[in-house]
Protein backbone atom coordinates (compact mmCIF):
# COMPACT_ATOMS: atom_id res chain seq x y z
CA GLN A 1 0.14 0.04 -0.16
CA VAL A 2 1.71 3.40 -1.05
CA SER A 3 0.25 5.99 0.90
CA LEU A 4 0.16 10.00 -0.59
CA VAL A 5 -0.21 12.92 1.79
CA GLU A 6 -0.81 16.46 -0.17
CA SER A 7 0.14 19.72 1.48
CA GLY A 8 0.98 23.54 0.34
CA GLY A 9 -2.67 24.84 -0.42
CA GLY A 10 -4.65 27.63 0.56
CA LEU A 11 -5.73 30.99 -0.73
CA VAL A 12 -3.89 33.11 -3.13
CA GLN A 13 -4.68 36.40 -5.27
CA PRO A 14 -4.15 35.97 -8.98
CA GLY A 15 -0.74 36.39 -9.72
CA GLU A 16 0.86 34.83 -6.70
CA SER A 17 2.85 31.36 -6.81
CA VAL A 18 2.23 28.58 -4.70
CA ARG A 19 4.20 25.05 -4.15
CA LEU A 20 2.21 21.56 -3.55
CA SER A 21 3.80 18.63 -1.61
CA CYS A 22 3.32 15.35 -2.37
CA VAL A 23 4.83 12.90 0.62
CA VAL A 24 4.97 9.26 -0.44
CA GLY A 25 5.06 6.56 2.36
CA ASN A 26 5.83 2.77 1.76
CA LYS A 27 7.43 2.92 -1.45
CA LYS A 28 9.95 4.86 -2.71
CA ILE A 29 9.69 7.11 -5.72
CA ASN A 30 12.80 6.40 -7.71
CA ASN A 31 10.64 3.64 -8.75
CA LEU A 32 7.70 5.09 -9.90
CA SER A 33 5.87 7.87 -12.16
CA MET A 34 4.74 10.86 -10.02
CA ALA A 35 1.45 12.49 -11.10
CA TRP A 36 -0.51 15.55 -10.22
CA TYR A 37 -4.00 15.93 -10.86
CA ARG A 38 -6.96 18.15 -9.61
CA GLN A 39 -10.97 18.67 -9.81
CA ALA A 40 -12.05 22.16 -10.13
CA PRO A 41 -16.18 22.48 -8.55
CA GLY A 42 -18.70 20.86 -10.95
CA LYS A 43 -15.88 19.02 -12.98
CA GLU A 44 -14.12 16.22 -13.78
CA ARG A 45 -10.81 15.49 -12.42
CA GLU A 46 -8.31 16.24 -14.97
CA PHE A 47 -4.49 15.52 -15.36
CA VAL A 48 -1.80 18.51 -14.13
CA ALA A 49 1.56 16.98 -14.93
CA ARG A 50 3.75 14.01 -14.65
CA SER A 51 7.69 13.34 -13.69
CA GLN A 52 8.45 9.84 -15.15
CA ARG A 53 10.82 7.54 -13.07
CA SER A 54 13.41 8.56 -16.03
CA GLY A 55 13.22 12.00 -14.93
CA THR A 56 11.13 13.38 -18.20
CA THR A 57 8.34 15.31 -16.89
CA ASN A 58 5.09 16.56 -18.97
CA THR A 59 2.47 18.87 -18.23
CA ALA A 60 -1.19 19.85 -19.18
CA ASP A 61 -1.61 22.49 -21.94
CA ALA A 62 -3.49 24.73 -20.00
CA VAL A 63 -0.87 24.88 -17.29
CA LYS A 64 2.08 24.77 -19.61
CA GLY A 65 4.60 27.74 -18.59
CA ARG A 66 3.47 28.35 -15.59
CA PHE A 67 3.26 24.88 -13.38
CA THR A 68 6.81 22.98 -13.13
CA ILE A 69 6.67 19.38 -11.39
CA SER A 70 9.88 18.24 -9.56
CA ARG A 71 10.67 15.48 -7.14
CA ASP A 72 13.36 14.84 -4.16
CA ASN A 73 13.62 11.21 -4.12
CA ALA A 74 15.88 11.33 -1.01
CA LYS A 75 13.24 13.08 1.01
CA ASN A 76 10.72 10.61 -0.82
CA THR A 77 8.38 13.84 -1.90
CA VAL A 78 7.11 15.56 -4.86
CA TYR A 79 6.31 18.92 -5.79
CA LEU A 80 4.41 21.03 -7.76
CA GLN A 81 5.51 24.53 -8.34
CA MET A 82 2.45 27.05 -9.65
CA ASN A 83 3.09 30.15 -10.68
CA SER A 84 0.93 33.32 -12.33
CA LEU A 85 -1.88 31.67 -10.62
CA GLN A 86 -5.61 32.31 -12.24
CA SER A 87 -9.19 31.85 -10.93
CA ASP A 88 -9.83 29.19 -13.44
CA ASP A 89 -7.12 27.17 -11.62
CA THR A 90 -9.28 26.84 -8.61
CA ALA A 91 -8.93 23.03 -7.46
CA VAL A 92 -8.42 20.38 -4.87
CA TYR A 93 -5.07 19.07 -6.05
CA TYR A 94 -4.54 15.18 -5.89
CA CYS A 95 -0.90 13.50 -5.86
CA ASN A 96 -1.27 9.87 -7.88
CA THR A 97 0.77 7.42 -8.57
CA ALA A 98 0.17 3.54 -9.89
CA VAL A 99 2.13 0.34 -9.07
CA GLY A 100 1.18 -2.11 -11.51
CA PRO A 101 -2.80 -1.91 -12.28
CA GLN A 102 -3.59 -0.36 -8.80
CA ASN A 103 -3.77 3.36 -8.50
CA PHE A 104 -3.03 5.33 -5.43
CA TRP A 105 -4.41 8.89 -4.57
CA GLY A 106 -3.78 11.15 -1.83
CA GLN A 107 -6.46 13.22 0.15
CA GLY A 108 -6.02 16.63 -2.09
CA THR A 109 -5.39 19.51 -0.75
CA GLN A 110 -7.63 22.68 -1.90
CA VAL A 111 -5.76 25.68 -3.74
CA THR A 112 -8.52 28.58 -4.01
CA VAL A 113 -7.70 31.61 -6.60
CA SER A 114 -9.05 34.58 -5.22
CA PRO A 115 -9.04 38.94 -5.42
């Protein structure tokens, strides 16, 4: 069983930055592909960014150039740096990984972007 614990969300103003963290338990992340997803009110959960085991990263078009995923294997932690936040970035952000066919999710952290 893999545990994922997100933190770092909160209320921010448009244009500000936030860094989310996801601490992973019971599995070394250097063997895992890690991802961030988000779910806005009334919408389906959507992909935000992924960090592959190889170090390759990719981000959704909606956040490209503003959000960056990174990992610290020594701390077993994945980060999502979010810059130039906009009101439509408001969502619950979830950390995700898969081991074989099994998907694991954190409890989510709320990010609200509002003046």
